[in-house]
C-alpha atoms as a PDB file:
ATOM      1  CA  MET A   1     154.936  79.950  40.513  1.00  0.00           C
ATOM      2  CA  SER A   2     158.736  80.763  41.524  1.00  0.00           C
ATOM      3  CA  THR A   3     159.141  76.510  41.470  1.00  0.00           C
ATOM      4  CA  ALA A   4     157.721  76.228  37.789  1.00  0.00           C
ATOM      5  CA  ALA A   5     159.268  78.961  36.353  1.00  0.00           C
ATOM      6  CA  GLU A   6     161.929  76.337  36.943  1.00  0.00           C
ATOM      7  CA  SER A   7     160.936  73.951  34.946  1.00  0.00           C
ATOM      8  CA  LYS A   8     162.695  73.181  31.476  1.00  0.00           C
ATOM      9  CA  LEU A   9     159.194  72.261  30.079  1.00  0.00           C
ATOM     10  CA  LEU A  10     157.777  75.282  30.514  1.00  0.00           C
ATOM     11  CA  SER A  11     160.094  79.216  30.582  1.00  0.00           C
ATOM     12  CA  PRO A  12     158.765  82.153  32.294  1.00  0.00           C
ATOM     13  CA  GLU A  13     157.574  83.832  28.417  1.00  0.00           C
ATOM     14  CA  LEU A  14     155.385  80.887  27.846  1.00  0.00           C
ATOM     15  CA  LEU A  15     154.021  81.013  31.618  1.00  0.00           C
ATOM     16  CA  ALA A  16     153.083  84.682  31.261  1.00  0.00           C
ATOM     17  CA  GLN A  17     151.131  83.836  27.904  1.00  0.00           C
ATOM     18  CA  LEU A  18     149.152  80.688  30.135  1.00  0.00           C
ATOM     19  CA  GLU A  19     147.890  82.627  32.428  1.00  0.00           C
ATOM     20  CA  ARG A  20     145.719  84.159  30.646  1.00  0.00           C
ATOM     21  CA  LEU A  21     143.648  81.303  28.484  1.00  0.00           C
ATOM     22  CA  GLU A  22     141.666  78.723  30.234  1.00  0.00           C
ATOM     23  CA  LEU A  23     140.401  75.396  28.937  1.00  0.00           C
ATOM     24  CA  VAL A  24     137.295  75.060  26.546  1.00  0.00           C
ATOM     25  CA  THR A  25     134.415  72.131  26.183  1.00  0.00           C
ATOM     26  CA  ARG A  26     131.843  72.410  23.289  1.00  0.00           C
ATOM     27  CA  LYS A  27     130.546  69.650  25.926  1.00  0.00           C
ATOM     28  CA  VAL A  28     128.441  69.951  29.354  1.00  0.00           C
ATOM     29  CA  PHE A  29     129.340  67.123  31.537  1.00  0.00           C
ATOM     30  CA  ARG A  30     128.398  66.347  35.036  1.00  0.00           C
ATOM     31  CA  GLY A  31     131.439  66.807  37.835  1.00  0.00           C
ATOM     32  CA  ARG A  32     131.740  65.555  40.984  1.00  0.00           C
ATOM     33  CA  MET A  33     133.095  69.171  42.603  1.00  0.00           C
ATOM     34  CA  LYS A  34     131.571  72.616  42.091  1.00  0.00           C
ATOM     35  CA  GLY A  35     134.114  74.268  39.872  1.00  0.00           C
ATOM     36  CA  GLU A  36     134.797  77.903  38.514  1.00  0.00           C
ATOM     37  CA  ARG A  37     132.786  76.411  35.052  1.00  0.00           C
ATOM     38  CA  ARG A  38     128.953  77.813  33.891  1.00  0.00           C
ATOM     39  CA  SER A  39     126.589  74.400  33.625  1.00  0.00           C
ATOM     40  CA  LYS A  40     124.033  74.288  31.321  1.00  0.00           C
ATOM     41  CA  ARG A  41     122.313  72.484  34.193  1.00  0.00           C
ATOM     42  CA  LYS A  42     120.155  74.023  37.287  1.00  0.00           C
ATOM     43  CA  GLY A  43     121.293  73.745  40.528  1.00  0.00           C
ATOM     44  CA  GLN A  44     122.440  75.228  43.722  1.00  0.00           C
ATOM     45  CA  SER A  45     124.576  78.129  43.977  1.00  0.00           C
ATOM     46  CA  VAL A  46     123.968  81.813  44.960  1.00  0.00           C
ATOM     47  CA  GLU A  47     123.346  83.135  41.208  1.00  0.00           C
ATOM     48  CA  PHE A  48     119.418  82.751  40.222  1.00  0.00           C
ATOM     49  CA  ALA A  49     118.199  80.795  38.310  1.00  0.00           C
ATOM     50  CA  ASP A  50     114.667  80.759  37.392  1.00  0.00           C
ATOM     51  CA  PHE A  51     111.360  79.312  38.985  1.00  0.00           C
ATOM     52  CA  ARG A  52     109.612  76.205  39.507  1.00  0.00           C
ATOM     53  CA  ASN A  53     106.894  73.951  40.944  1.00  0.00           C
ATOM     54  CA  TYR A  54     107.641  71.589  43.584  1.00  0.00           C
ATOM     55  CA  VAL A  55     107.628  68.429  42.944  1.00  0.00           C
ATOM     56  CA  ALA A  56     107.187  65.520  45.202  1.00  0.00           C
ATOM     57  CA  GLY A  57     111.008  64.535  46.121  1.00  0.00           C
ATOM     58  CA  ASP A  58     112.682  68.145  46.027  1.00  0.00           C
ATOM     59  CA  ASP A  59     114.845  69.562  48.529  1.00  0.00           C
ATOM     60  CA  LEU A  60     112.429  72.050  50.838  1.00  0.00           C
ATOM     61  CA  ARG A  61     115.599  73.470  51.443  1.00  0.00           C
ATOM     62  CA  LEU A  62     114.924  75.892  47.486  1.00  0.00           C
ATOM     63  CA  LEU A  63     110.687  76.708  48.267  1.00  0.00           C
ATOM     64  CA  ASP A  64     110.547  80.150  48.400  1.00  0.00           C
ATOM     65  CA  TRP A  65     108.612  80.252  51.065  1.00  0.00           C
ATOM     66  CA  ASN A  66     107.533  84.160  50.528  1.00  0.00           C
ATOM     67  CA  LEU A  67     105.777  83.317  47.188  1.00  0.00           C
ATOM     68  CA  TYR A  68     104.204  80.297  48.963  1.00  0.00           C
ATOM     69  CA  ALA A  69     102.711  83.099  51.624  1.00  0.00           C
ATOM     70  CA  ARG A  70     101.583  85.378  48.837  1.00  0.00           C
ATOM     71  CA  LEU A  71     100.119  82.651  46.003  1.00  0.00           C
ATOM     72  CA  ASP A  72      99.527  79.699  48.432  1.00  0.00           C
ATOM     73  CA  LYS A  73     101.310  77.745  45.523  1.00  0.00           C
ATOM     74  CA  LEU A  74     105.433  75.929  46.195  1.00  0.00           C
ATOM     75  CA  ILE A  75     107.789  76.963  44.793  1.00  0.00           C
ATOM     76  CA  ILE A  76     111.098  75.778  43.886  1.00  0.00           C
ATOM     77  CA  LYS A  77     114.053  78.238  43.039  1.00  0.00           C
ATOM     78  CA  LEU A  78     116.386  76.841  40.338  1.00  0.00           C
ATOM     79  CA  PHE A  79     119.607  78.846  40.407  1.00  0.00           C
ATOM     80  CA  LEU A  80     123.344  78.212  37.591  1.00  0.00           C
ATOM     81  CA  GLU A  81     124.973  75.206  38.660  1.00  0.00           C
ATOM     82  CA  GLU A  82     129.082  76.209  38.411  1.00  0.00           C
ATOM     83  CA  GLU A  83     131.294  72.109  38.104  1.00  0.00           C
ATOM     84  CA  ASP A  84     134.508  71.416  37.532  1.00  0.00           C
ATOM     85  CA  LEU A  85     135.882  70.591  34.045  1.00  0.00           C
ATOM     86  CA  HIS A  86     137.808  67.240  33.441  1.00  0.00           C
ATOM     87  CA  PHE A  87     140.702  67.219  31.501  1.00  0.00           C
ATOM     88  CA  TYR A  88     142.805  64.783  29.989  1.00  0.00           C
ATOM     89  CA  THR A  89     146.250  64.340  28.213  1.00  0.00           C
ATOM     90  CA  LEU A  90     147.345  60.902  27.139  1.00  0.00           C
ATOM     91  CA  ILE A  91     150.216  61.264  25.678  1.00  0.00           C
ATOM     92  CA  ASP A  92     152.251  58.348  23.233  1.00  0.00           C
ATOM     93  CA  SER A  93     155.489  57.432  24.667  1.00  0.00           C
ATOM     94  CA  SER A  94     156.237  54.332  22.334  1.00  0.00           C
ATOM     95  CA  LEU A  95     160.118  54.492  21.141  1.00  0.00           C
ATOM     96  CA  SER A  96     158.768  56.344  17.486  1.00  0.00           C
ATOM     97  CA  MET A  97     158.135  58.989  19.908  1.00  0.00           C
ATOM     98  CA  ASP A  98     161.911  59.501  21.009  1.00  0.00           C
ATOM     99  CA  PHE A  99     162.488  60.184  17.414  1.00  0.00           C
ATOM    100  CA  GLY A 100     163.429  64.824  16.106  1.00  0.00           C
ATOM    101  CA  ASP A 101     165.535  67.581  17.530  1.00  0.00           C
ATOM    102  CA  PRO A 102     163.963  68.484  20.010  1.00  0.00           C
ATOM    103  CA  SER A 103     162.085  64.633  19.805  1.00  0.00           C
ATOM    104  CA  LYS A 104     158.772  64.132  19.565  1.00  0.00           C
ATOM    105  CA  LEU A 105     158.570  63.322  22.763  1.00  0.00           C
ATOM    106  CA  GLU A 106     159.762  66.393  24.555  1.00  0.00           C
ATOM    107  CA  TYR A 107     157.698  68.141  22.558  1.00  0.00           C
ATOM    108  CA  ALA A 108     154.568  66.476  23.509  1.00  0.00           C
ATOM    109  CA  LYS A 109     155.807  66.753  27.170  1.00  0.00           C
ATOM    110  CA  GLN A 110     155.872  69.974  26.863  1.00  0.00           C
ATOM    111  CA  LEU A 111     152.570  70.597  25.521  1.00  0.00           C
ATOM    112  CA  SER A 112     151.286  68.425  27.604  1.00  0.00           C
ATOM    113  CA  ALA A 113     152.325  70.515  31.072  1.00  0.00           C
ATOM    114  CA  ALA A 114     151.196  74.309  29.155  1.00  0.00           C
ATOM    115  CA  LEU A 115     147.790  72.903  28.463  1.00  0.00           C
ATOM    116  CA  GLY A 116     148.091  71.425  32.582  1.00  0.00           C
ATOM    117  CA  PHE A 117     149.154  74.676  33.873  1.00  0.00           C
ATOM    118  CA  VAL A 118     146.107  76.082  31.791  1.00  0.00           C
ATOM    119  CA  GLY A 119     143.823  73.767  33.455  1.00  0.00           C
ATOM    120  CA  LEU A 120     145.396  74.310  37.437  1.00  0.00           C
ATOM    121  CA  ILE A 121     145.577  77.568  37.548  1.00  0.00           C
ATOM    122  CA  ARG A 122     141.539  77.154  36.390  1.00  0.00           C
ATOM    123  CA  ALA A 123     140.072  75.116  38.986  1.00  0.00           C
ATOM    124  CA  ASP A 124     140.381  72.225  36.987  1.00  0.00           C
ATOM    125  CA  ARG A 125     141.207  68.663  37.233  1.00  0.00           C
ATOM    126  CA  VAL A 126     144.090  67.420  35.539  1.00  0.00           C
ATOM    127  CA  ARG A 127     145.241  64.001  34.277  1.00  0.00           C
ATOM    128  CA  ILE A 128     148.080  62.868  32.673  1.00  0.00           C
ATOM    129  CA  GLU A 129     149.098  59.643  31.711  1.00  0.00           C
ATOM    130  CA  THR A 130     151.131  57.589  29.163  1.00  0.00           C
ATOM    131  CA  ILE A 131     149.379  54.987  26.379  1.00  0.00           C
ATOM    132  CA  ASN A 132     151.835  52.320  28.052  1.00  0.00           C
ATOM    133  CA  GLN A 133     150.233  53.109  31.312  1.00  0.00           C
ATOM    134  CA  ARG A 134     148.258  49.373  32.583  1.00  0.00           C
ATOM    135  CA  VAL A 135     143.592  49.356  34.035  1.00  0.00           C
ATOM    136  CA  GLY A 136     145.281  49.792  37.047  1.00  0.00           C
ATOM    137  CA  GLU A 137     147.789  51.903  37.087  1.00  0.00           C
ATOM    138  CA  ARG A 138     146.196  55.363  37.332  1.00  0.00           C
ATOM    139  CA  SER A 139     148.303  59.000  37.232  1.00  0.00           C
ATOM    140  CA  PRO A 140     147.381  61.061  40.609  1.00  0.00           C
ATOM    141  CA  VAL A 141     144.396  63.475  39.773  1.00  0.00           C
ATOM    142  CA  LEU A 142     145.333  67.295  40.023  1.00  0.00           C
ATOM    143  CA  ARG A 143     143.918  70.515  41.023  1.00  0.00           C
ATOM    144  CA  GLY A 144     144.552  74.404  41.687  1.00  0.00           C
ATOM    145  CA  ARG A 145     147.978  75.820  41.357  1.00  0.00           C
ATOM    146  CA  SER A 146     149.263  74.189  44.103  1.00  0.00           C
ATOM    147  CA  SER A 147     150.245  71.271  42.207  1.00  0.00           C
ATOM    148  CA  VAL A 148     151.300  72.476  39.198  1.00  0.00           C
ATOM    149  CA  TRP A 149     154.653  71.434  40.578  1.00  0.00           C
ATOM    150  CA  ARG A 150     154.137  67.803  40.949  1.00  0.00           C
ATOM    151  CA  MET A 151     152.399  67.979  37.585  1.00  0.00           C
ATOM    152  CA  LEU A 152     155.696  69.338  35.763  1.00  0.00           C
ATOM    153  CA  GLN A 153     157.719  66.591  37.626  1.00  0.00           C
ATOM    154  CA  HIS A 154     155.069  63.907  36.952  1.00  0.00           C
ATOM    155  CA  VAL A 155     155.553  65.153  33.201  1.00  0.00           C
ATOM    156  CA  GLU A 156     159.019  64.799  33.276  1.00  0.00           C
ATOM    157  CA  SER A 157     159.377  61.677  34.567  1.00  0.00           C
ATOM    158  CA  ILE A 158     158.022  60.429  31.756  1.00  0.00           C
ATOM    159  CA  GLN A 159     160.527  58.321  29.199  1.00  0.00           C
ATOM    160  CA  PRO A 160     160.044  56.458  25.920  1.00  0.00           C
ATOM    161  CA  ASP A 161     158.857  52.753  26.124  1.00  0.00           C
ATOM    162  CA  GLU A 162     160.199  50.033  24.932  1.00  0.00           C
ATOM    163  CA  ASP A 163     156.612  48.142  25.648  1.00  0.00           C
ATOM    164  CA  SER A 164     154.851  46.923  22.734  1.00  0.00           C
ATOM    165  CA  THR A 165     151.357  48.841  23.538  1.00  0.00           C
ATOM    166  CA  THR A 166     149.735  48.946  20.112  1.00  0.00           C
ATOM    167  CA  LEU A 167     147.934  52.544  20.479  1.00  0.00           C
ATOM    168  CA  ALA A 168     144.341  50.819  20.314  1.00  0.00           C
ATOM    169  CA  ASP A 169     145.218  49.119  23.362  1.00  0.00           C
ATOM    170  CA  GLY A 170     146.669  52.267  25.225  1.00  0.00           C
ATOM    171  CA  VAL A 171     143.175  54.075  24.262  1.00  0.00           C
ATOM    172  CA  LYS A 172     140.951  50.942  25.160  1.00  0.00           C
ATOM    173  CA  ASN A 173     142.928  50.877  28.940  1.00  0.00           C
ATOM    174  CA  PHE A 174     142.560  54.813  29.180  1.00  0.00           C
ATOM    175  CA  CYS A 175     138.812  55.200  28.826  1.00  0.00           C
ATOM    176  CA  LEU A 176     138.405  51.659  30.950  1.00  0.00           C
ATOM    177  CA  ARG A 177     140.684  53.709  34.377  1.00  0.00           C
ATOM    178  CA  ASN A 178     138.731  57.136  33.272  1.00  0.00           C
ATOM    179  CA  ALA A 179     134.664  56.747  33.219  1.00  0.00           C
ATOM    180  CA  GLY A 180     134.107  60.245  34.024  1.00  0.00           C
ATOM    181  CA  ARG A 181     133.955  62.463  30.554  1.00  0.00           C
ATOM    182  CA  GLY A 182     135.656  65.536  29.812  1.00  0.00           C
ATOM    183  CA  VAL A 183     137.901  66.934  27.472  1.00  0.00           C
ATOM    184  CA  VAL A 184     141.158  64.572  26.171  1.00  0.00           C
ATOM    185  CA  VAL A 185     144.041  65.529  23.886  1.00  0.00           C
ATOM    186  CA  LEU A 186     146.264  62.415  22.745  1.00  0.00           C
ATOM    187  CA  ILE A 187     149.724  64.017  21.788  1.00  0.00           C
ATOM    188  CA  SER A 188     150.649  61.119  19.413  1.00  0.00           C
ATOM    189  CA  ASP A 189     152.342  61.194  15.677  1.00  0.00           C
ATOM    190  CA  LEU A 190     149.792  57.699  14.822  1.00  0.00           C
ATOM    191  CA  MET A 191     152.468  55.275  13.723  1.00  0.00           C
ATOM    192  CA  ASP A 192     150.999  51.779  14.356  1.00  0.00           C
ATOM    193  CA  LYS A 193     151.605  49.806  11.868  1.00  0.00           C
ATOM    194  CA  ALA A 194     148.084  48.215  13.538  1.00  0.00           C
ATOM    195  CA  GLY A 195     146.362  51.543  12.936  1.00  0.00           C
ATOM    196  CA  TYR A 196     145.544  54.502  14.544  1.00  0.00           C
ATOM    197  CA  GLN A 197     141.426  54.006  14.078  1.00  0.00           C
ATOM    198  CA  GLN A 198     140.656  51.122  15.910  1.00  0.00           C
ATOM    199  CA  ALA A 199     142.324  53.628  19.061  1.00  0.00           C
ATOM    200  CA  LEU A 200     140.187  56.807  18.062  1.00  0.00           C
ATOM    201  CA  ARG A 201     137.021  54.871  17.522  1.00  0.00           C
ATOM    202  CA  TYR A 202     137.374  54.345  21.524  1.00  0.00           C
ATOM    203  CA  PHE A 203     137.457  58.327  22.358  1.00  0.00           C
ATOM    204  CA  VAL A 204     134.055  59.074  20.408  1.00  0.00           C
ATOM    205  CA  SER A 205     132.495  55.276  22.129  1.00  0.00           C
ATOM    206  CA  HIS A 206     133.583  57.081  25.239  1.00  0.00           C
ATOM    207  CA  GLN A 207     131.439  60.539  24.198  1.00  0.00           C
ATOM    208  CA  VAL A 208     134.632  62.535  25.325  1.00  0.00           C
ATOM    209  CA  ASP A 209     135.354  65.568  23.641  1.00  0.00           C
ATOM    210  CA  CYS A 210     138.825  65.080  21.994  1.00  0.00           C
ATOM    211  CA  PHE A 211     141.527  66.474  20.311  1.00  0.00           C
ATOM    212  CA  VAL A 212     144.032  64.925  18.292  1.00  0.00           C
ATOM    213  CA  ILE A 213     147.352  66.897  18.135  1.00  0.00           C
ATOM    214  CA  HIS A 214     149.377  64.910  15.084  1.00  0.00           C
ATOM    215  CA  VAL A 215     152.965  65.787  16.228  1.00  0.00           C
ATOM    216  CA  LEU A 216     156.118  64.359  12.975  1.00  0.00           C
ATOM    217  CA  SER A 217     159.418  65.605  13.503  1.00  0.00           C
ATOM    218  CA  GLN A 218     160.855  68.577  10.955  1.00  0.00           C
ATOM    219  CA  GLU A 219     162.890  65.492   9.993  1.00  0.00           C
ATOM    220  CA  GLU A 220     159.767  63.418   8.900  1.00  0.00           C
ATOM    221  CA  LEU A 221     158.164  66.315   6.860  1.00  0.00           C
ATOM    222  CA  GLU A 222     161.090  67.443   5.107  1.00  0.00           C
ATOM    223  CA  PRO A 223     163.569  64.387   5.683  1.00  0.00           C
ATOM    224  CA  ASP A 224     167.218  64.873   4.269  1.00  0.00           C
ATOM    225  CA  LEU A 225     168.830  62.107   3.405  1.00  0.00           C
ATOM    226  CA  GLN A 226     170.539  61.012   0.483  1.00  0.00           C
ATOM    227  CA  GLY A 227     172.404  57.742  -0.725  1.00  0.00           C
ATOM    228  CA  ASP A 228     172.484  53.949  -0.085  1.00  0.00           C
ATOM    229  CA  LEU A 229     170.760  53.164   3.586  1.00  0.00           C
ATOM    230  CA  LYS A 230     169.086  50.672   5.595  1.00  0.00           C
ATOM    231  CA  LEU A 231     165.961  51.587   7.552  1.00  0.00           C
ATOM    232  CA  VAL A 232     165.355  50.221  11.054  1.00  0.00           C
ATOM    233  CA  ASP A 233     162.562  50.139  12.224  1.00  0.00           C
ATOM    234  CA  CYS A 234     163.038  51.163  16.265  1.00  0.00           C
ATOM    235  CA  GLU A 235     159.642  49.768  18.101  1.00  0.00           C
ATOM    236  CA  ASP A 236     160.200  46.306  15.975  1.00  0.00           C
ATOM    237  CA  GLN A 237     163.422  45.755  14.813  1.00  0.00           C
ATOM    238  CA  ASP A 238     162.281  45.887  11.052  1.00  0.00           C
ATOM    239  CA  GLU A 239     165.021  46.454   8.534  1.00  0.00           C
ATOM    240  CA  ALA A 240     164.128  47.819   4.891  1.00  0.00           C
ATOM    241  CA  GLU A 241     167.554  49.016   2.383  1.00  0.00           C
ATOM    242  CA  ILE A 242     166.384  51.473   0.459  1.00  0.00           C
ATOM    243  CA  THR A 243     168.310  53.762  -2.111  1.00  0.00           C
ATOM    244  CA  VAL A 244     167.328  57.493  -1.789  1.00  0.00           C
ATOM    245  CA  SER A 245     166.435  59.626  -5.242  1.00  0.00           C
ATOM    246  CA  ALA A 246     164.333  62.253  -6.021  1.00  0.00           C
ATOM    247  CA  PRO A 247     161.932  59.601  -7.524  1.00  0.00           C
ATOM    248  CA  LEU A 248     161.405  58.118  -3.694  1.00  0.00           C
ATOM    249  CA  LEU A 249     161.101  62.006  -1.959  1.00  0.00           C
ATOM    250  CA  LYS A 250     159.131  62.369  -4.532  1.00  0.00           C
ATOM    251  CA  LYS A 251     156.965  59.252  -3.401  1.00  0.00           C
ATOM    252  CA  TYR A 252     157.422  59.252   0.392  1.00  0.00           C
ATOM    253  CA  LYS A 253     155.996  63.387   0.301  1.00  0.00           C
ATOM    254  CA  GLN A 254     152.732  62.112  -1.448  1.00  0.00           C
ATOM    255  CA  THR A 255     152.520  58.984   0.996  1.00  0.00           C
ATOM    256  CA  LEU A 256     153.158  61.355   3.683  1.00  0.00           C
ATOM    257  CA  ASN A 257     150.390  63.158   2.940  1.00  0.00           C
ATOM    258  CA  SER A 258     147.946  60.830   2.145  1.00  0.00           C
ATOM    259  CA  PHE A 259     148.877  59.403   5.693  1.00  0.00           C
ATOM    260  CA  VAL A 260     147.928  62.980   7.432  1.00  0.00           C
ATOM    261  CA  ALA A 261     144.745  64.088   5.137  1.00  0.00           C
ATOM    262  CA  GLY A 262     143.353  60.620   6.064  1.00  0.00           C
ATOM    263  CA  ALA A 263     143.919  61.062   9.879  1.00  0.00           C
ATOM    264  CA  GLN A 264     142.039  64.379   9.446  1.00  0.00           C
ATOM    265  CA  GLU A 265     139.332  62.937   7.059  1.00  0.00           C
ATOM    266  CA  PHE A 266     138.713  60.373   9.677  1.00  0.00           C
ATOM    267  CA  CYS A 267     138.709  62.577  12.688  1.00  0.00           C
ATOM    268  CA  SER A 268     136.065  65.312  11.122  1.00  0.00           C
ATOM    269  CA  ARG A 269     134.092  62.662  10.155  1.00  0.00           C
ATOM    270  CA  ARG A 270     133.322  62.058  14.088  1.00  0.00           C
ATOM    271  CA  GLY A 271     133.507  64.533  15.814  1.00  0.00           C
ATOM    272  CA  ILE A 272     137.156  64.804  16.792  1.00  0.00           C
ATOM    273  CA  HIS A 273     139.568  67.748  16.078  1.00  0.00           C
ATOM    274  CA  TYR A 274     142.125  67.007  14.722  1.00  0.00           C
ATOM    275  CA  LEU A 275     146.114  69.402  14.561  1.00  0.00           C
ATOM    276  CA  LEU A 276     149.546  68.577  12.855  1.00  0.00           C
ATOM    277  CA  ALA A 277     152.213  70.260  15.113  1.00  0.00           C
ATOM    278  CA  ASN A 278     155.338  70.514  13.754  1.00  0.00           C
ATOM    279  CA  ASN A 279     158.615  69.774  16.751  1.00  0.00           C
ATOM    280  CA  GLN A 280     159.650  73.044  15.212  1.00  0.00           C
ATOM    281  CA  MET A 281     157.059  75.476  16.342  1.00  0.00           C
ATOM    282  CA  PRO A 282     157.154  77.045  19.589  1.00  0.00           C
ATOM    283  CA  VAL A 283     154.918  75.773  22.099  1.00  0.00           C
ATOM    284  CA  GLN A 284     153.503  79.127  22.612  1.00  0.00           C
ATOM    285  CA  ASP A 285     152.479  79.452  18.920  1.00  0.00           C
ATOM    286  CA  LEU A 286     150.323  76.501  19.114  1.00  0.00           C
ATOM    287  CA  VAL A 287     148.522  76.958  21.910  1.00  0.00           C
ATOM    288  CA  ALA A 288     147.591  80.327  21.321  1.00  0.00           C
ATOM    289  CA  LYS A 289     147.038  80.318  17.871  1.00  0.00           C
ATOM    290  CA  GLN A 290     146.859  76.894  16.593  1.00  0.00           C
ATOM    291  CA  LEU A 291     145.309  75.499  19.790  1.00  0.00           C
ATOM    292  CA  ARG A 292     143.129  78.524  19.986  1.00  0.00           C
ATOM    293  CA  ARG A 293     141.705  78.577  16.586  1.00  0.00           C
ATOM    294  CA  ARG A 294     140.101  74.446  16.870  1.00  0.00           C
ATOM    295  CA  GLY A 295     138.622  75.696  20.131  1.00  0.00           C
ATOM    296  CA  LEU A 296     139.791  73.907  23.199  1.00  0.00           C
ATOM    297  CA  VAL A 297     141.121  77.111  24.413  1.00  0.00           C
ATOM    298  CA  ARG A 298     140.191  80.839  24.829  1.00  0.00           C
END
């Protein structure tokens, strides 16, 4: 913990709040290891759940020989099984995220580190990746409190990427790399000329419990511009000359509101949790209040 407290991503005050939280999923997934999360499946553990009749192929070690002696019937003992949660955060590291103060990417990194920390201290399996990673480029799977510093080093190393990978291709590659189901949090500004819809459809077909954190900067939400300007797209260098006026700003806000409302509706129709995040909102408030209300943490 002393090393985690030294990270610029997680302040001591934030760590104190995160210690009291745990990640939640609406779905039950089959884990590869026994963990601390209660499963709806029956298996082997120390907590008894139920009996059922023996069928060919059952593990003979689960037979209740005391019942057999009394009833002359082969009965299997069932126990509540616990399984680990697979938790992923997928960070959009495109150049459009390198905007704002703090930049949207820095905000995404801090949020990813906070959620990863919650997962690690609860013995969940945590993997943090970026959109630009190829199919064969796997980030480490981390588990346990001892992996916190390794997780922080990995997140801090993420930089804006000049690769022109689309959001759809990035999510598709993520799904190909990670066959295991679990909770996926996409942190992105959703600004892609090819659109975000196909990317989110990949999550739906992958049958994961998906959360979209739509990060926008204060400068994008409330632009403070005036006069004649030349706008340059940071990703493909497209240029546009504009004259900022009250009608133009009004139209911009209408377009932005339509964009946000469209993303929210698209996610809602497909069972994806959507949350708009301003880069000025403290991460501890976003996690402990907004994401708690959305059901990601408790």
